[in-house]
Amino acid sequence: MRVPRIYHNGPITPAQPLALTEDAAAHIGRVLRMACGEAVSLFNGDGMDYPARIQQTDKKSVIVEVLSCQANPAESPLDIHLGQVISRGDRMDFTLQKSVELGVNTITPLFSERCGVKLSGERLEKKIQQWQKIVISACEQCGRSIIPQVRPAMTLADWCTEHDDALKLNLHPRASHGINGLQLSNNKIRLLIGPEGGLSAQEITMTEQQHFTDVLLGPRVLRTETAAMTAITALQLRFGDLG
């Protein structure tokens, strides 16, 4: 049986008992219904795994004994920053979950001209917090111990003008080549995924002015959530650790 992986928001010290957070305790006690003596694997985002054993559990609290500290080799050699125009319903949730499983390091939700989602103020902040929780759950599932950051949402224009030395990519159905034709000078990639209706002509011109390279995924038009997953998979196959 696979040992459950549990995120703990705080320091973890081997050879010491640890009281888990309320959310972690509820997951172990009420969802997984685990008992004293059973094994769990903790992580807190520092890149390490902490094997532990449950010492005490009840409906509101769980105390574990942390047994050791182990390096986790699950991270991709690629540093992928996903700029995803916010999509409707659970499509955005799906994109975040799968991009984490595929090794993305940073995610920035974006607003564009054809973005069909209207969020601002407190509603937007709560949505960002919800997305970060989805990212943590994806790390628990896929075995990562470094937690990708969901950055504050921003406009497409502001994100495109941020300076870094990454290879900047924009999916475009009329691009002259695909991902296999790319050359990567370092391990950094900034990947832009547009909205359901695509980027406007003005936005495409702006990405070209900001030195984004247009790439083609294939002859078929993909939904925004499919495009993100497909592009990240292709990048990991070409430059990363898949295949």
C-alpha atoms as a PDB file:
ATOM      1  CA  MET A   1       0.000   0.000   0.000  1.00  0.00           C
ATOM      2  CA  ARG A   2       1.302   3.442  -0.919  1.00  0.00           C
ATOM      3  CA  VAL A   3       2.303   5.556   2.085  1.00  0.00           C
ATOM      4  CA  PRO A   4       0.133   8.712   2.186  1.00  0.00           C
ATOM      5  CA  ARG A   5       1.977  11.979   1.605  1.00  0.00           C
ATOM      6  CA  ILE A   6       0.877  14.845   3.841  1.00  0.00           C
ATOM      7  CA  TYR A   7       1.731  18.535   3.535  1.00  0.00           C
ATOM      8  CA  HIS A   8       2.685  20.246   6.812  1.00  0.00           C
ATOM      9  CA  ASN A   9       2.846  24.035   6.789  1.00  0.00           C
ATOM     10  CA  GLY A  10       5.739  24.491   9.182  1.00  0.00           C
ATOM     11  CA  PRO A  11       9.200  23.244  10.153  1.00  0.00           C
ATOM     12  CA  ILE A  12       9.773  19.496  10.483  1.00  0.00           C
ATOM     13  CA  THR A  13      12.562  18.125  12.675  1.00  0.00           C
ATOM     14  CA  PRO A  14      13.584  14.438  12.595  1.00  0.00           C
ATOM     15  CA  ALA A  15      13.583  12.445  15.833  1.00  0.00           C
ATOM     16  CA  GLN A  16      10.995  14.750  17.388  1.00  0.00           C
ATOM     17  CA  PRO A  17       7.213  14.438  17.814  1.00  0.00           C
ATOM     18  CA  LEU A  18       5.180  16.795  15.683  1.00  0.00           C
ATOM     19  CA  ALA A  19       1.588  17.975  16.021  1.00  0.00           C
ATOM     20  CA  LEU A  20       0.166  18.277  12.514  1.00  0.00           C
ATOM     21  CA  THR A  21      -1.898  21.205  11.315  1.00  0.00           C
ATOM     22  CA  GLU A  22      -5.673  21.054  11.623  1.00  0.00           C
ATOM     23  CA  ASP A  23      -6.135  20.380   7.894  1.00  0.00           C
ATOM     24  CA  ALA A  24      -3.541  17.589   7.876  1.00  0.00           C
ATOM     25  CA  ALA A  25      -5.004  16.051  11.017  1.00  0.00           C
ATOM     26  CA  ALA A  26      -8.517  16.107   9.529  1.00  0.00           C
ATOM     27  CA  HIS A  27      -7.260  14.412   6.366  1.00  0.00           C
ATOM     28  CA  ILE A  28      -5.490  11.646   8.298  1.00  0.00           C
ATOM     29  CA  GLY A  29      -8.222  11.127  10.886  1.00  0.00           C
ATOM     30  CA  ARG A  30     -11.498  11.706   9.050  1.00  0.00           C
ATOM     31  CA  VAL A  31     -10.652  11.060   5.395  1.00  0.00           C
ATOM     32  CA  LEU A  32      -7.977   8.358   5.493  1.00  0.00           C
ATOM     33  CA  ARG A  33      -9.110   6.975   8.890  1.00  0.00           C
ATOM     34  CA  MET A  34      -5.552   6.078   9.824  1.00  0.00           C
ATOM     35  CA  ALA A  35      -4.576   4.667  13.229  1.00  0.00           C
ATOM     36  CA  CYS A  36      -1.609   4.814  15.589  1.00  0.00           C
ATOM     37  CA  GLY A  37       1.465   3.049  14.270  1.00  0.00           C
ATOM     38  CA  GLU A  38       0.702   3.646  10.595  1.00  0.00           C
ATOM     39  CA  ALA A  39       3.246   5.351   8.338  1.00  0.00           C
ATOM     40  CA  VAL A  40       2.948   8.711   6.590  1.00  0.00           C
ATOM     41  CA  SER A  41       5.398  10.813   4.594  1.00  0.00           C
ATOM     42  CA  LEU A  42       5.488  14.523   5.395  1.00  0.00           C
ATOM     43  CA  PHE A  43       6.768  17.428   3.315  1.00  0.00           C
ATOM     44  CA  ASN A  44       6.729  21.195   3.814  1.00  0.00           C
ATOM     45  CA  GLY A  45       8.050  22.560   0.521  1.00  0.00           C
ATOM     46  CA  ASP A  46      11.783  22.476   1.296  1.00  0.00           C
ATOM     47  CA  GLY A  47      12.445  19.665  -1.184  1.00  0.00           C
ATOM     48  CA  MET A  48      12.767  16.950   1.443  1.00  0.00           C
ATOM     49  CA  ASP A  49      10.565  14.032   2.472  1.00  0.00           C
ATOM     50  CA  TYR A  50      10.097  13.214   6.160  1.00  0.00           C
ATOM     51  CA  PRO A  51       8.992   9.617   6.852  1.00  0.00           C
ATOM     52  CA  ALA A  52       6.928   9.525  10.041  1.00  0.00           C
ATOM     53  CA  ARG A  53       4.760   7.257  12.161  1.00  0.00           C
ATOM     54  CA  ILE A  54       1.468   8.193  13.811  1.00  0.00           C
ATOM     55  CA  GLN A  55       1.812   8.301  17.608  1.00  0.00           C
ATOM     56  CA  GLN A  56      -1.552   9.693  18.594  1.00  0.00           C
ATOM     57  CA  THR A  57      -4.746  10.499  16.733  1.00  0.00           C
ATOM     58  CA  ASP A  58      -8.266  11.666  17.506  1.00  0.00           C
ATOM     59  CA  LYS A  59     -10.953  13.637  15.700  1.00  0.00           C
ATOM     60  CA  LYS A  60      -9.174  16.981  16.027  1.00  0.00           C
ATOM     61  CA  SER A  61      -5.440  16.310  16.311  1.00  0.00           C
ATOM     62  CA  VAL A  62      -2.693  13.997  15.121  1.00  0.00           C
ATOM     63  CA  ILE A  63       0.803  13.675  16.564  1.00  0.00           C
ATOM     64  CA  VAL A  64       3.484  11.879  14.579  1.00  0.00           C
ATOM     65  CA  GLU A  65       7.035  10.775  15.260  1.00  0.00           C
ATOM     66  CA  VAL A  66       9.339  12.085  12.505  1.00  0.00           C
ATOM     67  CA  LEU A  67      11.774   9.284  11.710  1.00  0.00           C
ATOM     68  CA  SER A  68      14.211  10.778   9.208  1.00  0.00           C
ATOM     69  CA  CYS A  69      14.835  13.325   6.452  1.00  0.00           C
ATOM     70  CA  GLN A  70      15.328  12.242   2.843  1.00  0.00           C
ATOM     71  CA  ALA A  71      16.119  14.172  -0.343  1.00  0.00           C
ATOM     72  CA  ASN A  72      13.344  13.955  -2.935  1.00  0.00           C
ATOM     73  CA  PRO A  73      14.571  13.613  -6.562  1.00  0.00           C
ATOM     74  CA  ALA A  74      11.141  14.228  -8.144  1.00  0.00           C
ATOM     75  CA  GLU A  75      11.846  17.714  -9.517  1.00  0.00           C
ATOM     76  CA  SER A  76      12.298  18.241 -13.252  1.00  0.00           C
ATOM     77  CA  PRO A  77      15.530  19.771 -14.582  1.00  0.00           C
ATOM     78  CA  LEU A  78      13.308  22.281 -16.410  1.00  0.00           C
ATOM     79  CA  ASP A  79      12.178  25.504 -14.747  1.00  0.00           C
ATOM     80  CA  ILE A  80       8.795  26.147 -16.379  1.00  0.00           C
ATOM     81  CA  HIS A  81       6.802  29.283 -15.608  1.00  0.00           C
ATOM     82  CA  LEU A  82       3.238  28.890 -16.883  1.00  0.00           C
ATOM     83  CA  GLY A  83       1.278  32.021 -17.725  1.00  0.00           C
ATOM     84  CA  GLN A  84      -2.300  30.783 -18.025  1.00  0.00           C
ATOM     85  CA  VAL A  85      -5.171  33.069 -19.012  1.00  0.00           C
ATOM     86  CA  ILE A  86      -7.902  32.253 -16.492  1.00  0.00           C
ATOM     87  CA  SER A  87     -10.455  29.789 -17.848  1.00  0.00           C
ATOM     88  CA  ARG A  88     -14.038  29.148 -16.783  1.00  0.00           C
ATOM     89  CA  GLY A  89     -15.363  26.657 -14.230  1.00  0.00           C
ATOM     90  CA  ASP A  90     -13.139  23.783 -13.221  1.00  0.00           C
ATOM     91  CA  ARG A  91     -10.934  24.060 -16.325  1.00  0.00           C
ATOM     92  CA  MET A  92      -8.490  26.295 -14.480  1.00  0.00           C
ATOM     93  CA  ASP A  93      -8.390  23.841 -11.561  1.00  0.00           C
ATOM     94  CA  PHE A  94      -7.645  21.021 -13.995  1.00  0.00           C
ATOM     95  CA  THR A  95      -4.857  23.010 -15.670  1.00  0.00           C
ATOM     96  CA  LEU A  96      -3.159  23.793 -12.365  1.00  0.00           C
ATOM     97  CA  GLN A  97      -3.401  20.223 -11.099  1.00  0.00           C
ATOM     98  CA  LYS A  98      -2.008  18.628 -14.258  1.00  0.00           C
ATOM     99  CA  SER A  99       0.710  21.235 -14.790  1.00  0.00           C
ATOM    100  CA  VAL A 100       2.022  20.513 -11.292  1.00  0.00           C
ATOM    101  CA  GLU A 101       2.025  16.776 -11.998  1.00  0.00           C
ATOM    102  CA  LEU A 102       4.033  17.508 -15.152  1.00  0.00           C
ATOM    103  CA  GLY A 103       6.658  19.547 -13.316  1.00  0.00           C
ATOM    104  CA  VAL A 104       5.751  23.246 -13.650  1.00  0.00           C
ATOM    105  CA  ASN A 105       7.521  25.465 -11.090  1.00  0.00           C
ATOM    106  CA  THR A 106       5.528  28.714 -11.200  1.00  0.00           C
ATOM    107  CA  ILE A 107       1.994  29.578 -12.312  1.00  0.00           C
ATOM    108  CA  THR A 108       0.684  33.073 -12.996  1.00  0.00           C
ATOM    109  CA  PRO A 109      -3.069  33.473 -13.667  1.00  0.00           C
ATOM    110  CA  LEU A 110      -3.597  36.064 -16.408  1.00  0.00           C
ATOM    111  CA  PHE A 111      -6.329  38.386 -17.667  1.00  0.00           C
ATOM    112  CA  SER A 112      -6.490  38.993 -21.416  1.00  0.00           C
ATOM    113  CA  GLU A 113      -8.890  40.749 -23.806  1.00  0.00           C
ATOM    114  CA  ARG A 114     -10.891  37.557 -24.419  1.00  0.00           C
ATOM    115  CA  CYS A 115     -10.714  36.182 -20.892  1.00  0.00           C
ATOM    116  CA  GLY A 116     -14.263  35.173 -19.984  1.00  0.00           C
ATOM    117  CA  VAL A 117     -13.708  35.259 -16.208  1.00  0.00           C
ATOM    118  CA  LYS A 118     -14.338  38.397 -14.147  1.00  0.00           C
ATOM    119  CA  LEU A 119     -12.611  38.319 -10.765  1.00  0.00           C
ATOM    120  CA  SER A 120     -11.291  41.097  -8.563  1.00  0.00           C
ATOM    121  CA  GLY A 121     -10.679  42.098  -4.965  1.00  0.00           C
ATOM    122  CA  GLU A 122     -11.573  39.613  -2.259  1.00  0.00           C
ATOM    123  CA  ARG A 123     -13.086  37.099  -4.700  1.00  0.00           C
ATOM    124  CA  LEU A 124      -9.849  37.000  -6.670  1.00  0.00           C
ATOM    125  CA  GLU A 125      -7.732  36.627  -3.541  1.00  0.00           C
ATOM    126  CA  LYS A 126      -9.858  33.715  -2.343  1.00  0.00           C
ATOM    127  CA  LYS A 127      -9.553  32.097  -5.758  1.00  0.00           C
ATOM    128  CA  ILE A 128      -5.743  32.408  -5.646  1.00  0.00           C
ATOM    129  CA  GLN A 129      -5.747  30.732  -2.216  1.00  0.00           C
ATOM    130  CA  GLN A 130      -7.978  27.957  -3.561  1.00  0.00           C
ATOM    131  CA  TRP A 131      -5.638  27.408  -6.505  1.00  0.00           C
ATOM    132  CA  GLN A 132      -2.626  27.207  -4.191  1.00  0.00           C
ATOM    133  CA  LYS A 133      -4.415  24.477  -2.213  1.00  0.00           C
ATOM    134  CA  ILE A 134      -5.014  22.575  -5.464  1.00  0.00           C
ATOM    135  CA  VAL A 135      -1.281  22.831  -6.180  1.00  0.00           C
ATOM    136  CA  ILE A 136      -0.423  21.440  -2.730  1.00  0.00           C
ATOM    137  CA  SER A 137      -2.856  18.543  -3.195  1.00  0.00           C
ATOM    138  CA  ALA A 138      -1.277  17.803  -6.571  1.00  0.00           C
ATOM    139  CA  CYS A 139       2.153  17.682  -4.897  1.00  0.00           C
ATOM    140  CA  GLU A 140       0.809  15.228  -2.321  1.00  0.00           C
ATOM    141  CA  GLN A 141      -0.477  13.013  -5.121  1.00  0.00           C
ATOM    142  CA  CYS A 142       2.434  13.146  -7.574  1.00  0.00           C
ATOM    143  CA  GLY A 143       5.300  12.931  -5.085  1.00  0.00           C
ATOM    144  CA  ARG A 144       6.818  16.430  -5.338  1.00  0.00           C
ATOM    145  CA  SER A 145       8.281  18.086  -2.236  1.00  0.00           C
ATOM    146  CA  ILE A 146       8.846  21.555  -3.677  1.00  0.00           C
ATOM    147  CA  ILE A 147       5.559  23.426  -4.005  1.00  0.00           C
ATOM    148  CA  PRO A 148       5.014  25.509  -7.148  1.00  0.00           C
ATOM    149  CA  GLN A 149       3.921  29.063  -6.469  1.00  0.00           C
ATOM    150  CA  VAL A 150       0.611  30.448  -7.695  1.00  0.00           C
ATOM    151  CA  ARG A 151       1.446  34.110  -8.153  1.00  0.00           C
ATOM    152  CA  PRO A 152      -1.020  36.994  -7.886  1.00  0.00           C
ATOM    153  CA  ALA A 153      -3.079  37.410 -11.041  1.00  0.00           C
ATOM    154  CA  MET A 154      -1.990  40.096 -13.512  1.00  0.00           C
ATOM    155  CA  THR A 155      -2.716  41.316 -17.008  1.00  0.00           C
ATOM    156  CA  LEU A 156      -1.229  39.515 -19.975  1.00  0.00           C
ATOM    157  CA  ALA A 157       0.683  42.672 -20.973  1.00  0.00           C
ATOM    158  CA  ASP A 158       2.310  43.046 -17.550  1.00  0.00           C
ATOM    159  CA  TRP A 159       3.337  39.386 -17.476  1.00  0.00           C
ATOM    160  CA  CYS A 160       4.826  39.481 -20.964  1.00  0.00           C
ATOM    161  CA  THR A 161       6.956  42.516 -20.134  1.00  0.00           C
ATOM    162  CA  GLU A 162       8.517  40.945 -17.020  1.00  0.00           C
ATOM    163  CA  HIS A 163      12.238  40.559 -17.574  1.00  0.00           C
ATOM    164  CA  ASP A 164      13.935  37.173 -17.301  1.00  0.00           C
ATOM    165  CA  ASP A 165      16.331  35.046 -19.342  1.00  0.00           C
ATOM    166  CA  ALA A 166      13.827  32.272 -20.069  1.00  0.00           C
ATOM    167  CA  LEU A 167      12.877  30.982 -23.511  1.00  0.00           C
ATOM    168  CA  LYS A 168       9.485  32.624 -24.101  1.00  0.00           C
ATOM    169  CA  LEU A 169       6.898  30.517 -25.924  1.00  0.00           C
ATOM    170  CA  ASN A 170       3.427  31.276 -27.253  1.00  0.00           C
ATOM    171  CA  LEU A 171       1.246  28.597 -28.859  1.00  0.00           C
ATOM    172  CA  HIS A 172       0.041  29.692 -32.285  1.00  0.00           C
ATOM    173  CA  PRO A 173      -1.860  27.626 -34.908  1.00  0.00           C
ATOM    174  CA  ARG A 174       0.086  29.262 -37.761  1.00  0.00           C
ATOM    175  CA  ALA A 175       3.573  28.943 -36.274  1.00  0.00           C
ATOM    176  CA  SER A 176       6.292  27.650 -38.593  1.00  0.00           C
ATOM    177  CA  HIS A 177       7.686  24.955 -36.283  1.00  0.00           C
ATOM    178  CA  GLY A 178       6.884  22.887 -33.221  1.00  0.00           C
ATOM    179  CA  ILE A 179       8.598  22.302 -29.910  1.00  0.00           C
ATOM    180  CA  ASN A 180      11.023  19.764 -31.383  1.00  0.00           C
ATOM    181  CA  GLY A 181      12.555  22.565 -33.454  1.00  0.00           C
ATOM    182  CA  LEU A 182      13.444  24.686 -30.423  1.00  0.00           C
ATOM    183  CA  GLN A 183      16.877  25.193 -28.892  1.00  0.00           C
ATOM    184  CA  LEU A 184      17.211  25.833 -25.161  1.00  0.00           C
ATOM    185  CA  SER A 185      20.222  27.784 -23.881  1.00  0.00           C
ATOM    186  CA  ASN A 186      19.388  27.285 -20.199  1.00  0.00           C
ATOM    187  CA  ASN A 187      16.756  25.372 -18.239  1.00  0.00           C
ATOM    188  CA  LYS A 188      14.192  28.199 -18.085  1.00  0.00           C
ATOM    189  CA  ILE A 189      10.975  28.364 -20.096  1.00  0.00           C
ATOM    190  CA  ARG A 190       8.141  30.898 -19.914  1.00  0.00           C
ATOM    191  CA  LEU A 191       5.044  29.342 -21.491  1.00  0.00           C
ATOM    192  CA  LEU A 192       1.978  31.396 -22.412  1.00  0.00           C
ATOM    193  CA  ILE A 193      -1.404  29.678 -22.786  1.00  0.00           C
ATOM    194  CA  GLY A 194      -4.217  31.904 -24.021  1.00  0.00           C
ATOM    195  CA  PRO A 195      -7.972  31.863 -23.359  1.00  0.00           C
ATOM    196  CA  GLU A 196     -10.675  29.760 -24.995  1.00  0.00           C
ATOM    197  CA  GLY A 197     -11.132  32.367 -27.727  1.00  0.00           C
ATOM    198  CA  GLY A 198      -7.419  32.784 -28.329  1.00  0.00           C
ATOM    199  CA  LEU A 199      -5.305  35.925 -28.102  1.00  0.00           C
ATOM    200  CA  SER A 200      -6.360  39.024 -30.025  1.00  0.00           C
ATOM    201  CA  ALA A 201      -4.311  40.265 -32.983  1.00  0.00           C
ATOM    202  CA  GLN A 202      -2.987  43.102 -30.830  1.00  0.00           C
ATOM    203  CA  GLU A 203      -1.944  40.670 -28.093  1.00  0.00           C
ATOM    204  CA  ILE A 204      -0.147  38.415 -30.570  1.00  0.00           C
ATOM    205  CA  THR A 205       1.738  41.441 -31.903  1.00  0.00           C
ATOM    206  CA  MET A 206       2.640  42.401 -28.336  1.00  0.00           C
ATOM    207  CA  THR A 207       4.065  38.932 -27.589  1.00  0.00           C
ATOM    208  CA  GLU A 208       6.190  39.162 -30.725  1.00  0.00           C
ATOM    209  CA  GLN A 209       7.488  42.546 -29.603  1.00  0.00           C
ATOM    210  CA  GLN A 210       8.395  40.970 -26.248  1.00  0.00           C
ATOM    211  CA  HIS A 211      10.409  38.258 -28.041  1.00  0.00           C
ATOM    212  CA  PHE A 212       8.019  35.344 -27.574  1.00  0.00           C
ATOM    213  CA  THR A 213       8.537  32.502 -30.047  1.00  0.00           C
ATOM    214  CA  ASP A 214       5.407  31.111 -31.702  1.00  0.00           C
ATOM    215  CA  VAL A 215       5.208  27.300 -31.613  1.00  0.00           C
ATOM    216  CA  LEU A 216       2.774  24.834 -33.137  1.00  0.00           C
ATOM    217  CA  LEU A 217       1.467  21.780 -31.275  1.00  0.00           C
ATOM    218  CA  GLY A 218      -0.156  20.079 -34.251  1.00  0.00           C
ATOM    219  CA  PRO A 219      -2.890  20.337 -36.896  1.00  0.00           C
ATOM    220  CA  ARG A 220      -5.813  20.253 -34.460  1.00  0.00           C
ATOM    221  CA  VAL A 221      -7.188  23.117 -32.361  1.00  0.00           C
ATOM    222  CA  LEU A 222      -6.862  22.288 -28.659  1.00  0.00           C
ATOM    223  CA  ARG A 223      -8.910  23.593 -25.775  1.00  0.00           C
ATOM    224  CA  THR A 224      -6.974  25.847 -23.428  1.00  0.00           C
ATOM    225  CA  GLU A 225      -6.610  23.189 -20.701  1.00  0.00           C
ATOM    226  CA  THR A 226      -5.566  20.562 -23.263  1.00  0.00           C
ATOM    227  CA  ALA A 227      -3.056  22.953 -24.816  1.00  0.00           C
ATOM    228  CA  ALA A 228      -1.325  23.585 -21.487  1.00  0.00           C
ATOM    229  CA  MET A 229      -1.023  19.897 -20.653  1.00  0.00           C
ATOM    230  CA  THR A 230       0.138  18.971 -24.163  1.00  0.00           C
ATOM    231  CA  ALA A 231       2.729  21.748 -24.385  1.00  0.00           C
ATOM    232  CA  ILE A 232       4.244  20.976 -20.987  1.00  0.00           C
ATOM    233  CA  THR A 233       4.402  17.278 -21.830  1.00  0.00           C
ATOM    234  CA  ALA A 234       6.138  18.030 -25.139  1.00  0.00           C
ATOM    235  CA  LEU A 235       8.642  20.317 -23.388  1.00  0.00           C
ATOM    236  CA  GLN A 236       9.412  17.678 -20.784  1.00  0.00           C
ATOM    237  CA  LEU A 237       9.905  15.079 -23.519  1.00  0.00           C
ATOM    238  CA  ARG A 238      12.182  17.400 -25.500  1.00  0.00           C
ATOM    239  CA  PHE A 239      14.206  19.011 -22.700  1.00  0.00           C
ATOM    240  CA  GLY A 240      13.136  17.486 -19.383  1.00  0.00           C
ATOM    241  CA  ASP A 241      12.712  14.124 -17.695  1.00  0.00           C
ATOM    242  CA  LEU A 242       9.792  12.424 -19.457  1.00  0.00           C
ATOM    243  CA  GLY A 243      10.268   9.525 -21.836  1.00  0.00           C
END
